[in-house]
Amino acid sequence: MKKISVLLMAVMILAATAVHAQSDVAKATKEKAKKEVTKAEAKKDEAATKAKVASDKLKKDGTLDKRYKENKEAADAKVKAADTKVKKEATKVEAKKDEATKKAVVAGDKLKKDGTPDKRFKENKDAAAKHLKKDGTPDMRYKENKEAAKK
């Protein structure tokens, strides 16, 4: 009986010290976790304020809600910027087409209604570059286009 009581006392002492040691670790980890949570909340709040600065009215997916005036204006500004970019590209393409028609006029007066050279005639077949890229400009990988560009 004496051995059992000594054994029980030893187990109780070990258990008491083990609980105390774990509680310090647990407190430290809880404090670290709280700090991490507060940092995460701060970052979340920062992101939310940035979103509010950009626009207070967003849909769940994060896009602008166009039912509100300020969002409509912001979206219109984006559309206008895109339109100007498209217009600039369109003028570049038209300028290239104008150059091609001028070359065709020099080559011969035989043009189609849309202004492109009529390839049924010999002078139009010879004058045009044979190898063109998709945008209509001569492909400079070919010798005849390089020679024509040098002239």
N, C-alpha and C. Protein backbone atom coordinates (compact mmCIF):
# COMPACT_ATOMS: atom_id res chain seq x y z
N MET A 1 0.81 -1.18 0.00
CA MET A 1 0.00 0.00 0.00
C MET A 1 0.87 1.26 0.00
N LYS A 2 1.95 1.19 0.75
CA LYS A 2 2.84 2.32 0.82
C LYS A 2 3.48 2.60 -0.54
N LYS A 3 3.80 1.56 -1.27
CA LYS A 3 4.38 1.71 -2.60
C LYS A 3 3.39 2.37 -3.56
N ILE A 4 2.13 1.97 -3.44
CA ILE A 4 1.09 2.53 -4.31
C ILE A 4 0.90 4.01 -4.02
N SER A 5 0.89 4.39 -2.75
CA SER A 5 0.71 5.80 -2.41
C SER A 5 1.90 6.64 -2.87
N VAL A 6 3.11 6.10 -2.79
CA VAL A 6 4.29 6.81 -3.25
C VAL A 6 4.21 6.97 -4.78
N LEU A 7 3.79 5.91 -5.42
CA LEU A 7 3.65 5.95 -6.87
C LEU A 7 2.60 6.98 -7.30
N LEU A 8 1.48 7.02 -6.61
CA LEU A 8 0.43 8.02 -6.89
C LEU A 8 0.93 9.42 -6.66
N MET A 9 1.67 9.64 -5.61
CA MET A 9 2.21 10.97 -5.33
C MET A 9 3.18 11.40 -6.44
N ALA A 10 4.01 10.49 -6.90
CA ALA A 10 4.96 10.80 -7.96
C ALA A 10 4.22 11.16 -9.26
N VAL A 11 3.19 10.40 -9.56
CA VAL A 11 2.40 10.67 -10.76
C VAL A 11 1.72 12.03 -10.65
N MET A 12 1.19 12.39 -9.49
CA MET A 12 0.52 13.67 -9.29
C MET A 12 1.51 14.83 -9.43
N ILE A 13 2.71 14.67 -8.90
CA ILE A 13 3.72 15.72 -9.01
C ILE A 13 4.11 15.91 -10.48
N LEU A 14 4.33 14.82 -11.18
CA LEU A 14 4.66 14.91 -12.61
C LEU A 14 3.52 15.54 -13.41
N ALA A 15 2.31 15.16 -13.08
CA ALA A 15 1.15 15.71 -13.80
C ALA A 15 1.02 17.21 -13.54
N ALA A 16 1.27 17.63 -12.30
CA ALA A 16 1.15 19.05 -11.95
C ALA A 16 2.22 19.87 -12.67
N THR A 17 3.42 19.35 -12.74
CA THR A 17 4.48 20.09 -13.44
C THR A 17 4.25 20.08 -14.95
N ALA A 18 3.72 19.01 -15.48
CA ALA A 18 3.46 18.91 -16.91
C ALA A 18 2.35 19.90 -17.31
N VAL A 19 1.32 20.03 -16.51
CA VAL A 19 0.23 20.96 -16.81
C VAL A 19 0.75 22.38 -16.75
N HIS A 20 1.55 22.68 -15.79
CA HIS A 20 2.10 24.02 -15.65
C HIS A 20 3.01 24.36 -16.85
N ALA A 21 3.84 23.41 -17.26
CA ALA A 21 4.75 23.64 -18.39
C ALA A 21 3.96 23.84 -19.67
N GLN A 22 2.90 23.11 -19.87
CA GLN A 22 2.09 23.24 -21.06
C GLN A 22 1.33 24.55 -21.08
N SER A 23 0.92 25.01 -19.95
CA SER A 23 0.14 26.24 -19.90
C SER A 23 0.98 27.43 -20.36
N ASP A 24 2.27 27.47 -20.03
CA ASP A 24 3.13 28.55 -20.51
C ASP A 24 3.27 28.51 -22.03
N VAL A 25 3.44 27.33 -22.56
CA VAL A 25 3.55 27.18 -24.01
C VAL A 25 2.22 27.55 -24.66
N ALA A 26 1.15 27.11 -24.06
CA ALA A 26 -0.17 27.40 -24.61
C ALA A 26 -0.43 28.90 -24.61
N LYS A 27 -0.04 29.58 -23.52
CA LYS A 27 -0.23 31.03 -23.46
C LYS A 27 0.59 31.73 -24.53
N ALA A 28 1.80 31.30 -24.71
CA ALA A 28 2.68 31.91 -25.71
C ALA A 28 2.11 31.70 -27.11
N THR A 29 1.63 30.50 -27.39
CA THR A 29 1.08 30.24 -28.73
C THR A 29 -0.22 31.02 -28.94
N LYS A 30 -1.00 31.14 -27.88
CA LYS A 30 -2.24 31.92 -28.00
C LYS A 30 -1.93 33.39 -28.29
N GLU A 31 -0.92 33.92 -27.61
CA GLU A 31 -0.52 35.31 -27.84
C GLU A 31 -0.02 35.50 -29.26
N LYS A 32 0.79 34.55 -29.75
CA LYS A 32 1.27 34.63 -31.13
C LYS A 32 0.11 34.57 -32.11
N ALA A 33 -0.83 33.69 -31.83
CA ALA A 33 -1.98 33.55 -32.71
C ALA A 33 -2.81 34.85 -32.72
N LYS A 34 -2.96 35.47 -31.55
CA LYS A 34 -3.71 36.73 -31.48
C LYS A 34 -3.00 37.82 -32.28
N LYS A 35 -1.67 37.87 -32.17
CA LYS A 35 -0.91 38.86 -32.93
C LYS A 35 -1.07 38.64 -34.42
N GLU A 36 -1.01 37.38 -34.84
CA GLU A 36 -1.18 37.08 -36.26
C GLU A 36 -2.58 37.46 -36.73
N VAL A 37 -3.56 37.19 -35.91
CA VAL A 37 -4.94 37.53 -36.27
C VAL A 37 -5.10 39.04 -36.39
N THR A 38 -4.50 39.78 -35.47
CA THR A 38 -4.61 41.24 -35.54
C THR A 38 -3.90 41.78 -36.77
N LYS A 39 -2.74 41.18 -37.13
CA LYS A 39 -2.04 41.60 -38.34
C LYS A 39 -2.88 41.31 -39.58
N ALA A 40 -3.50 40.12 -39.59
CA ALA A 40 -4.34 39.75 -40.73
C ALA A 40 -5.54 40.68 -40.84
N GLU A 41 -6.12 41.02 -39.70
CA GLU A 41 -7.27 41.94 -39.71
C GLU A 41 -6.84 43.32 -40.18
N ALA A 42 -5.65 43.75 -39.78
CA ALA A 42 -5.15 45.05 -40.22
C ALA A 42 -4.97 45.06 -41.73
N LYS A 43 -4.41 44.00 -42.29
CA LYS A 43 -4.24 43.91 -43.74
C LYS A 43 -5.59 43.88 -44.43
N LYS A 44 -6.53 43.16 -43.85
CA LYS A 44 -7.87 43.07 -44.42
C LYS A 44 -8.54 44.45 -44.40
N ASP A 45 -8.39 45.17 -43.28
CA ASP A 45 -8.95 46.51 -43.18
C ASP A 45 -8.31 47.45 -44.19
N GLU A 46 -7.00 47.30 -44.38
CA GLU A 46 -6.28 48.12 -45.36
C GLU A 46 -6.82 47.88 -46.76
N ALA A 47 -7.02 46.61 -47.09
CA ALA A 47 -7.55 46.26 -48.41
C ALA A 47 -8.96 46.79 -48.57
N ALA A 48 -9.74 46.72 -47.50
CA ALA A 48 -11.11 47.22 -47.56
C ALA A 48 -11.14 48.73 -47.75
N THR A 49 -10.24 49.44 -47.08
CA THR A 49 -10.21 50.89 -47.26
C THR A 49 -9.77 51.26 -48.67
N LYS A 50 -8.83 50.50 -49.23
CA LYS A 50 -8.44 50.74 -50.62
C LYS A 50 -9.61 50.52 -51.55
N ALA A 51 -10.38 49.48 -51.29
CA ALA A 51 -11.55 49.21 -52.12
C ALA A 51 -12.58 50.33 -51.96
N LYS A 52 -12.71 50.85 -50.73
CA LYS A 52 -13.66 51.94 -50.52
C LYS A 52 -13.20 53.20 -51.21
N VAL A 53 -11.90 53.43 -51.20
CA VAL A 53 -11.37 54.59 -51.88
C VAL A 53 -11.66 54.48 -53.38
N ALA A 54 -11.44 53.29 -53.92
CA ALA A 54 -11.70 53.08 -55.35
C ALA A 54 -13.19 53.19 -55.62
N SER A 55 -13.97 52.54 -54.82
CA SER A 55 -15.41 52.61 -54.99
C SER A 55 -16.07 51.95 -53.79
N ASP A 56 -17.09 52.60 -53.25
CA ASP A 56 -17.79 52.03 -52.11
C ASP A 56 -18.74 50.93 -52.53
N LYS A 57 -19.16 50.95 -53.77
CA LYS A 57 -20.20 50.04 -54.22
C LYS A 57 -19.62 48.97 -55.14
N LEU A 58 -19.34 47.81 -54.58
CA LEU A 58 -18.83 46.70 -55.36
C LEU A 58 -19.78 45.51 -55.26
N LYS A 59 -19.81 44.71 -56.30
CA LYS A 59 -20.59 43.48 -56.25
C LYS A 59 -19.79 42.43 -55.48
N LYS A 60 -20.41 41.29 -55.24
CA LYS A 60 -19.74 40.24 -54.48
C LYS A 60 -18.48 39.75 -55.17
N ASP A 61 -18.48 39.76 -56.49
CA ASP A 61 -17.32 39.28 -57.22
C ASP A 61 -16.21 40.33 -57.32
N GLY A 62 -16.43 41.52 -56.78
CA GLY A 62 -15.39 42.54 -56.73
C GLY A 62 -15.45 43.54 -57.88
N THR A 63 -16.38 43.36 -58.82
CA THR A 63 -16.50 44.31 -59.92
C THR A 63 -17.36 45.48 -59.50
N LEU A 64 -17.28 46.57 -60.28
CA LEU A 64 -18.05 47.76 -59.96
C LEU A 64 -19.54 47.52 -60.14
N ASP A 65 -20.32 48.03 -59.22
CA ASP A 65 -21.77 47.95 -59.32
C ASP A 65 -22.25 49.18 -60.07
N LYS A 66 -22.69 49.00 -61.30
CA LYS A 66 -22.98 50.13 -62.18
C LYS A 66 -24.34 50.77 -61.92
N ARG A 67 -24.99 50.38 -60.86
CA ARG A 67 -26.24 51.06 -60.50
C ARG A 67 -25.96 52.41 -59.84
N TYR A 68 -24.71 52.63 -59.45
CA TYR A 68 -24.34 53.85 -58.77
C TYR A 68 -23.59 54.79 -59.71
N LYS A 69 -23.84 56.07 -59.52
CA LYS A 69 -23.31 57.09 -60.43
C LYS A 69 -21.78 57.09 -60.51
N GLU A 70 -21.12 57.04 -59.35
CA GLU A 70 -19.66 57.12 -59.36
C GLU A 70 -19.04 55.91 -60.07
N ASN A 71 -19.69 54.75 -59.97
CA ASN A 71 -19.18 53.57 -60.67
C ASN A 71 -19.42 53.67 -62.17
N LYS A 72 -20.54 54.26 -62.55
CA LYS A 72 -20.81 54.46 -63.98
C LYS A 72 -19.76 55.38 -64.58
N GLU A 73 -19.42 56.44 -63.86
CA GLU A 73 -18.42 57.39 -64.36
C GLU A 73 -17.05 56.72 -64.49
N ALA A 74 -16.69 55.91 -63.50
CA ALA A 74 -15.40 55.21 -63.55
C ALA A 74 -15.37 54.23 -64.72
N ALA A 75 -16.47 53.52 -64.93
CA ALA A 75 -16.53 52.56 -66.03
C ALA A 75 -16.49 53.30 -67.37
N ASP A 76 -17.18 54.45 -67.46
CA ASP A 76 -17.17 55.23 -68.70
C ASP A 76 -15.76 55.72 -69.02
N ALA A 77 -15.02 56.10 -68.00
CA ALA A 77 -13.65 56.56 -68.22
C ALA A 77 -12.79 55.43 -68.78
N LYS A 78 -12.98 54.22 -68.27
CA LYS A 78 -12.23 53.07 -68.78
C LYS A 78 -12.61 52.79 -70.23
N VAL A 79 -13.90 52.90 -70.53
CA VAL A 79 -14.37 52.64 -71.89
C VAL A 79 -13.82 53.69 -72.85
N LYS A 80 -13.80 54.94 -72.42
CA LYS A 80 -13.28 56.01 -73.28
C LYS A 80 -11.80 55.79 -73.57
N ALA A 81 -11.05 55.37 -72.58
CA ALA A 81 -9.63 55.11 -72.78
C ALA A 81 -9.44 53.97 -73.79
N ALA A 82 -10.25 52.94 -73.67
CA ALA A 82 -10.16 51.82 -74.60
C ALA A 82 -10.56 52.26 -76.01
N ASP A 83 -11.59 53.12 -76.12
CA ASP A 83 -12.03 53.60 -77.43
C ASP A 83 -10.94 54.41 -78.12
N THR A 84 -10.25 55.26 -77.38
CA THR A 84 -9.19 56.05 -78.00
C THR A 84 -8.06 55.14 -78.50
N LYS A 85 -7.77 54.10 -77.74
CA LYS A 85 -6.74 53.16 -78.16
C LYS A 85 -7.15 52.45 -79.45
N VAL A 86 -8.42 52.05 -79.54
CA VAL A 86 -8.91 51.37 -80.74
C VAL A 86 -8.90 52.32 -81.92
N LYS A 87 -9.26 53.57 -81.70
CA LYS A 87 -9.27 54.55 -82.78
C LYS A 87 -7.87 54.78 -83.32
N LYS A 88 -6.88 54.85 -82.44
CA LYS A 88 -5.50 55.03 -82.88
C LYS A 88 -5.05 53.86 -83.75
N GLU A 89 -5.39 52.65 -83.32
CA GLU A 89 -5.03 51.47 -84.09
C GLU A 89 -5.73 51.47 -85.44
N ALA A 90 -6.99 51.89 -85.46
CA ALA A 90 -7.75 51.93 -86.71
C ALA A 90 -7.14 52.93 -87.68
N THR A 91 -6.69 54.07 -87.19
CA THR A 91 -6.07 55.06 -88.08
C THR A 91 -4.76 54.53 -88.65
N LYS A 92 -4.01 53.76 -87.85
CA LYS A 92 -2.77 53.16 -88.35
C LYS A 92 -3.07 52.18 -89.47
N VAL A 93 -4.11 51.35 -89.29
CA VAL A 93 -4.47 50.37 -90.30
C VAL A 93 -4.94 51.07 -91.58
N GLU A 94 -5.73 52.13 -91.42
CA GLU A 94 -6.21 52.87 -92.58
C GLU A 94 -5.05 53.53 -93.32
N ALA A 95 -4.07 54.02 -92.59
CA ALA A 95 -2.90 54.63 -93.23
C ALA A 95 -2.16 53.58 -94.06
N LYS A 96 -2.04 52.38 -93.54
CA LYS A 96 -1.38 51.31 -94.30
C LYS A 96 -2.18 50.97 -95.55
N LYS A 97 -3.50 50.96 -95.43
CA LYS A 97 -4.34 50.67 -96.60
C LYS A 97 -4.19 51.78 -97.64
N ASP A 98 -4.12 53.03 -97.18
CA ASP A 98 -3.94 54.15 -98.10
C ASP A 98 -2.62 54.03 -98.85
N GLU A 99 -1.58 53.63 -98.14
CA GLU A 99 -0.29 53.43 -98.79
C GLU A 99 -0.37 52.34 -99.85
N ALA A 100 -1.09 51.28 -99.53
CA ALA A 100 -1.23 50.18 -100.48
C ALA A 100 -2.00 50.62 -101.72
N THR A 101 -3.04 51.42 -101.53
CA THR A 101 -3.82 51.88 -102.69
C THR A 101 -2.99 52.85 -103.54
N LYS A 102 -2.18 53.68 -102.90
CA LYS A 102 -1.31 54.59 -103.65
C LYS A 102 -0.32 53.80 -104.50
N LYS A 103 0.24 52.74 -103.93
CA LYS A 103 1.16 51.89 -104.68
C LYS A 103 0.42 51.24 -105.84
N ALA A 104 -0.83 50.85 -105.59
CA ALA A 104 -1.60 50.21 -106.64
C ALA A 104 -1.91 51.19 -107.76
N VAL A 105 -2.20 52.44 -107.43
CA VAL A 105 -2.48 53.46 -108.44
C VAL A 105 -1.24 53.70 -109.28
N VAL A 106 -0.08 53.70 -108.65
CA VAL A 106 1.16 53.87 -109.38
C VAL A 106 1.36 52.68 -110.32
N ALA A 107 1.03 51.49 -109.82
CA ALA A 107 1.22 50.29 -110.63
C ALA A 107 0.25 50.26 -111.80
N GLY A 108 -0.95 50.69 -111.62
CA GLY A 108 -1.93 50.67 -112.70
C GLY A 108 -3.24 51.25 -112.24
N ASP A 109 -4.06 51.62 -113.21
CA ASP A 109 -5.35 52.23 -112.88
C ASP A 109 -6.44 51.19 -112.71
N LYS A 110 -6.12 49.96 -112.78
CA LYS A 110 -7.12 48.91 -112.72
C LYS A 110 -7.34 48.50 -111.27
N LEU A 111 -8.34 49.13 -110.64
CA LEU A 111 -8.64 48.88 -109.24
C LEU A 111 -10.07 48.36 -109.11
N LYS A 112 -10.30 47.65 -108.02
CA LYS A 112 -11.66 47.23 -107.72
C LYS A 112 -12.40 48.39 -107.06
N LYS A 113 -13.69 48.20 -106.79
CA LYS A 113 -14.51 49.27 -106.19
C LYS A 113 -14.00 49.66 -104.81
N ASP A 114 -13.46 48.70 -104.08
CA ASP A 114 -12.99 49.00 -102.73
C ASP A 114 -11.59 49.63 -102.72
N GLY A 115 -10.97 49.79 -103.90
CA GLY A 115 -9.69 50.47 -103.97
C GLY A 115 -8.49 49.55 -104.01
N THR A 116 -8.70 48.26 -103.89
CA THR A 116 -7.58 47.33 -103.95
C THR A 116 -7.27 47.01 -105.41
N PRO A 117 -6.04 46.70 -105.72
CA PRO A 117 -5.69 46.41 -107.11
C PRO A 117 -6.36 45.13 -107.60
N ASP A 118 -6.77 45.15 -108.85
CA ASP A 118 -7.42 44.00 -109.46
C ASP A 118 -6.33 43.06 -109.94
N LYS A 119 -6.23 41.89 -109.35
CA LYS A 119 -5.14 40.96 -109.62
C LYS A 119 -5.28 40.24 -110.96
N ARG A 120 -6.34 40.50 -111.70
CA ARG A 120 -6.48 39.87 -113.01
C ARG A 120 -5.55 40.49 -114.04
N PHE A 121 -5.05 41.67 -113.74
CA PHE A 121 -4.19 42.37 -114.69
C PHE A 121 -2.72 42.19 -114.32
N LYS A 122 -1.92 42.09 -115.35
CA LYS A 122 -0.50 41.78 -115.18
C LYS A 122 0.24 42.82 -114.36
N GLU A 123 -0.03 44.12 -114.61
CA GLU A 123 0.71 45.16 -113.89
C GLU A 123 0.41 45.16 -112.40
N ASN A 124 -0.80 44.73 -112.03
CA ASN A 124 -1.14 44.67 -110.60
C ASN A 124 -0.54 43.44 -109.93
N LYS A 125 -0.37 42.37 -110.68
CA LYS A 125 0.25 41.17 -110.11
C LYS A 125 1.72 41.42 -109.78
N ASP A 126 2.41 42.13 -110.66
CA ASP A 126 3.83 42.37 -110.47
C ASP A 126 4.09 43.42 -109.40
N ALA A 127 3.24 44.43 -109.31
CA ALA A 127 3.51 45.55 -108.41
C ALA A 127 3.33 45.19 -106.94
N ALA A 128 2.40 44.32 -106.65
CA ALA A 128 2.09 44.01 -105.25
C ALA A 128 3.12 43.03 -104.69
N ALA A 129 3.36 43.15 -103.39
CA ALA A 129 4.25 42.21 -102.72
C ALA A 129 3.56 40.85 -102.67
N LYS A 130 4.30 39.82 -102.96
CA LYS A 130 3.69 38.50 -103.01
C LYS A 130 3.52 37.90 -101.63
N HIS A 131 4.39 38.23 -100.73
CA HIS A 131 4.33 37.65 -99.39
C HIS A 131 3.94 38.75 -98.40
N LEU A 132 2.71 38.63 -97.88
CA LEU A 132 2.21 39.63 -96.93
C LEU A 132 1.89 38.97 -95.60
N LYS A 133 1.98 39.77 -94.54
CA LYS A 133 1.56 39.32 -93.22
C LYS A 133 0.05 39.50 -93.12
N LYS A 134 -0.55 39.05 -92.02
CA LYS A 134 -1.99 39.14 -91.85
C LYS A 134 -2.49 40.58 -91.86
N ASP A 135 -1.69 41.51 -91.38
CA ASP A 135 -2.12 42.90 -91.33
C ASP A 135 -1.93 43.61 -92.67
N GLY A 136 -1.41 42.91 -93.68
CA GLY A 136 -1.30 43.49 -95.01
C GLY A 136 0.05 44.11 -95.32
N THR A 137 0.93 44.12 -94.38
CA THR A 137 2.26 44.69 -94.63
C THR A 137 3.16 43.62 -95.22
N PRO A 138 4.18 44.01 -95.99
CA PRO A 138 5.07 43.01 -96.60
C PRO A 138 5.84 42.24 -95.53
N ASP A 139 6.01 40.95 -95.79
CA ASP A 139 6.76 40.10 -94.87
C ASP A 139 8.24 40.21 -95.23
N MET A 140 9.02 40.78 -94.33
CA MET A 140 10.42 41.10 -94.62
C MET A 140 11.34 39.88 -94.55
N ARG A 141 10.80 38.71 -94.37
CA ARG A 141 11.63 37.51 -94.39
C ARG A 141 11.97 37.10 -95.83
N TYR A 142 11.23 37.67 -96.78
CA TYR A 142 11.42 37.30 -98.18
C TYR A 142 12.27 38.33 -98.91
N LYS A 143 13.08 37.83 -99.83
CA LYS A 143 14.07 38.65 -100.52
C LYS A 143 13.43 39.76 -101.33
N GLU A 144 12.36 39.45 -102.09
CA GLU A 144 11.74 40.48 -102.94
C GLU A 144 11.13 41.63 -102.13
N ASN A 145 10.64 41.32 -100.93
CA ASN A 145 10.10 42.39 -100.08
C ASN A 145 11.20 43.24 -99.49
N LYS A 146 12.34 42.64 -99.20
CA LYS A 146 13.47 43.42 -98.68
C LYS A 146 14.00 44.36 -99.76
N GLU A 147 14.08 43.87 -100.98
CA GLU A 147 14.57 44.70 -102.06
C GLU A 147 13.62 45.85 -102.36
N ALA A 148 12.32 45.57 -102.30
CA ALA A 148 11.33 46.62 -102.55
C ALA A 148 11.39 47.68 -101.46
N ALA A 149 11.68 47.29 -100.22
CA ALA A 149 11.74 48.24 -99.11
C ALA A 149 12.98 49.13 -99.25
N LYS A 150 14.07 48.60 -99.78
CA LYS A 150 15.29 49.39 -99.95
C LYS A 150 15.11 50.48 -101.00
N LYS A 151 14.28 50.20 -102.00
CA LYS A 151 14.06 51.18 -103.08
C LYS A 151 13.21 52.28 -102.56
